[in-house]
Amino acid sequence: MNTLAYTSAYGGPGPWILFFPLIWAAVVLGVIVLLRRTVWRGRTSCQGRAAPSGPSPTALLGGRYAAGEIDEDEYRRRMAVLEKDFGTHTGGTRAK
């Protein structure tokens, strides 16, 4: 009988030939994991810009106003600049 897993006593590769595809799959998977952990980690988002990290500028400005670091006039001036330059919308009602 001439099958893939015939024993090596007859000159064939034996059942160990079935493990070679598993070994290659492990090698390919290892390379992919290695690349994702090193080279591909610093990639940018789809728009070509790095993904923002941390709170938004409007949240930082609101936090400074809430903490009393800046007064209401300063808050309004800076918020107007953010809305004009970046098109951000705070979404809530503003104190008048």
C-alpha atoms as a PDB file:
ATOM      1  CA  MET A   1       0.000   0.000   0.000  1.00  0.00           C
ATOM      2  CA  ASN A   2       1.484   3.320  -1.069  1.00  0.00           C
ATOM      3  CA  THR A   3       0.124   6.088   1.186  1.00  0.00           C
ATOM      4  CA  LEU A   4       1.501   9.365   2.489  1.00  0.00           C
ATOM      5  CA  ALA A   5       2.122   8.099   6.004  1.00  0.00           C
ATOM      6  CA  TYR A   6       3.828   4.803   5.221  1.00  0.00           C
ATOM      7  CA  THR A   7       6.699   4.027   7.513  1.00  0.00           C
ATOM      8  CA  SER A   8      10.257   5.053   6.895  1.00  0.00           C
ATOM      9  CA  ALA A   9      11.319   1.408   6.995  1.00  0.00           C
ATOM     10  CA  TYR A  10      10.123   1.238   3.379  1.00  0.00           C
ATOM     11  CA  GLY A  11      11.967   4.401   2.365  1.00  0.00           C
ATOM     12  CA  GLY A  12       9.082   6.831   2.867  1.00  0.00           C
ATOM     13  CA  PRO A  13       8.884   9.923   5.040  1.00  0.00           C
ATOM     14  CA  GLY A  14       6.624   8.397   7.671  1.00  0.00           C
ATOM     15  CA  PRO A  15       3.903  10.187   9.578  1.00  0.00           C
ATOM     16  CA  TRP A  16       6.222  13.085  10.451  1.00  0.00           C
ATOM     17  CA  ILE A  17       5.553  14.666   7.056  1.00  0.00           C
ATOM     18  CA  LEU A  18       2.144  15.670   8.382  1.00  0.00           C
ATOM     19  CA  PHE A  19       3.771  18.029  10.916  1.00  0.00           C
ATOM     20  CA  PHE A  20       5.642  20.154   8.368  1.00  0.00           C
ATOM     21  CA  PRO A  21       2.599  22.277   7.413  1.00  0.00           C
ATOM     22  CA  LEU A  22       1.995  22.917  11.125  1.00  0.00           C
ATOM     23  CA  ILE A  23       5.602  24.001  11.589  1.00  0.00           C
ATOM     24  CA  TRP A  24       5.366  26.434   8.648  1.00  0.00           C
ATOM     25  CA  ALA A  25       2.089  27.829   9.975  1.00  0.00           C
ATOM     26  CA  ALA A  26       3.731  28.432  13.359  1.00  0.00           C
ATOM     27  CA  VAL A  27       6.682  30.190  11.687  1.00  0.00           C
ATOM     28  CA  VAL A  28       4.405  32.467   9.644  1.00  0.00           C
ATOM     29  CA  LEU A  29       2.263  33.244  12.692  1.00  0.00           C
ATOM     30  CA  GLY A  30       5.381  34.011  14.730  1.00  0.00           C
ATOM     31  CA  VAL A  31       6.658  36.437  12.081  1.00  0.00           C
ATOM     32  CA  ILE A  32       3.292  38.212  11.957  1.00  0.00           C
ATOM     33  CA  VAL A  33       3.179  38.537  15.749  1.00  0.00           C
ATOM     34  CA  LEU A  34       6.759  39.810  15.829  1.00  0.00           C
ATOM     35  CA  LEU A  35       6.040  42.425  13.157  1.00  0.00           C
ATOM     36  CA  ARG A  36       2.871  43.612  14.903  1.00  0.00           C
ATOM     37  CA  ARG A  37       4.722  44.034  18.194  1.00  0.00           C
ATOM     38  CA  THR A  38       7.665  45.938  16.711  1.00  0.00           C
ATOM     39  CA  VAL A  39       7.449  47.478  13.247  1.00  0.00           C
ATOM     40  CA  TRP A  40       3.701  47.951  12.791  1.00  0.00           C
ATOM     41  CA  ARG A  41       3.131  49.378  16.298  1.00  0.00           C
ATOM     42  CA  GLY A  42       3.983  52.959  15.311  1.00  0.00           C
ATOM     43  CA  ARG A  43       1.788  53.115  12.215  1.00  0.00           C
ATOM     44  CA  THR A  44      -0.639  55.991  11.724  1.00  0.00           C
ATOM     45  CA  SER A  45      -4.365  55.834  11.176  1.00  0.00           C
ATOM     46  CA  CYS A  46      -6.082  55.674   7.768  1.00  0.00           C
ATOM     47  CA  GLN A  47      -6.110  59.458   7.291  1.00  0.00           C
ATOM     48  CA  GLY A  48      -2.336  59.631   7.564  1.00  0.00           C
ATOM     49  CA  ARG A  49      -2.411  61.281  10.971  1.00  0.00           C
ATOM     50  CA  ALA A  50      -1.537  59.702  14.252  1.00  0.00           C
ATOM     51  CA  ALA A  51      -4.493  58.764  16.401  1.00  0.00           C
ATOM     52  CA  PRO A  52      -5.098  61.344  19.109  1.00  0.00           C
ATOM     53  CA  SER A  53      -4.102  60.323  22.580  1.00  0.00           C
ATOM     54  CA  GLY A  54      -5.326  61.927  25.749  1.00  0.00           C
ATOM     55  CA  PRO A  55      -8.176  64.353  26.300  1.00  0.00           C
ATOM     56  CA  SER A  56      -9.356  66.758  23.616  1.00  0.00           C
ATOM     57  CA  PRO A  57      -8.323  70.427  23.654  1.00  0.00           C
ATOM     58  CA  THR A  58     -11.860  71.500  24.569  1.00  0.00           C
ATOM     59  CA  ALA A  59     -11.868  69.068  27.508  1.00  0.00           C
ATOM     60  CA  LEU A  60      -8.527  70.437  28.703  1.00  0.00           C
ATOM     61  CA  LEU A  61      -9.794  73.998  28.384  1.00  0.00           C
ATOM     62  CA  GLY A  62     -12.974  73.137  30.268  1.00  0.00           C
ATOM     63  CA  GLY A  63     -10.922  71.491  33.004  1.00  0.00           C
ATOM     64  CA  ARG A  64      -8.739  74.561  33.408  1.00  0.00           C
ATOM     65  CA  TYR A  65     -11.829  76.778  33.612  1.00  0.00           C
ATOM     66  CA  ALA A  66     -13.463  74.470  36.159  1.00  0.00           C
ATOM     67  CA  ALA A  67     -10.302  74.419  38.266  1.00  0.00           C
ATOM     68  CA  GLY A  68     -10.215  78.229  38.310  1.00  0.00           C
ATOM     69  CA  GLU A  69      -6.927  78.527  36.414  1.00  0.00           C
ATOM     70  CA  ILE A  70      -8.499  80.801  33.798  1.00  0.00           C
ATOM     71  CA  ASP A  71     -11.424  83.208  34.004  1.00  0.00           C
ATOM     72  CA  GLU A  72     -14.579  83.244  31.887  1.00  0.00           C
ATOM     73  CA  ASP A  73     -13.274  85.787  29.360  1.00  0.00           C
ATOM     74  CA  GLU A  74     -10.112  83.745  28.776  1.00  0.00           C
ATOM     75  CA  TYR A  75     -12.216  80.594  28.435  1.00  0.00           C
ATOM     76  CA  ARG A  76     -14.506  82.183  25.829  1.00  0.00           C
ATOM     77  CA  ARG A  77     -11.595  83.619  23.819  1.00  0.00           C
ATOM     78  CA  ARG A  78      -9.765  80.311  23.698  1.00  0.00           C
ATOM     79  CA  MET A  79     -12.933  78.359  22.916  1.00  0.00           C
ATOM     80  CA  ALA A  80     -13.685  80.734  20.017  1.00  0.00           C
ATOM     81  CA  VAL A  81     -10.190  80.110  18.627  1.00  0.00           C
ATOM     82  CA  LEU A  82     -10.633  76.337  18.918  1.00  0.00           C
ATOM     83  CA  GLU A  83     -14.017  76.462  17.196  1.00  0.00           C
ATOM     84  CA  LYS A  84     -12.705  78.713  14.432  1.00  0.00           C
ATOM     85  CA  ASP A  85      -9.457  76.873  13.736  1.00  0.00           C
ATOM     86  CA  PHE A  86     -10.447  73.274  14.336  1.00  0.00           C
ATOM     87  CA  GLY A  87     -14.205  73.319  13.823  1.00  0.00           C
ATOM     88  CA  THR A  88     -14.850  71.704  17.178  1.00  0.00           C
ATOM     89  CA  HIS A  89     -18.289  71.904  18.660  1.00  0.00           C
ATOM     90  CA  THR A  90     -18.709  71.650  22.380  1.00  0.00           C
ATOM     91  CA  GLY A  91     -22.207  70.275  22.071  1.00  0.00           C
ATOM     92  CA  GLY A  92     -23.696  71.705  25.250  1.00  0.00           C
ATOM     93  CA  THR A  93     -24.990  75.052  26.329  1.00  0.00           C
ATOM     94  CA  ARG A  94     -22.494  77.678  27.248  1.00  0.00           C
ATOM     95  CA  ALA A  95     -22.597  79.905  30.295  1.00  0.00           C
ATOM     96  CA  LYS A  96     -23.582  83.479  29.489  1.00  0.00           C
END
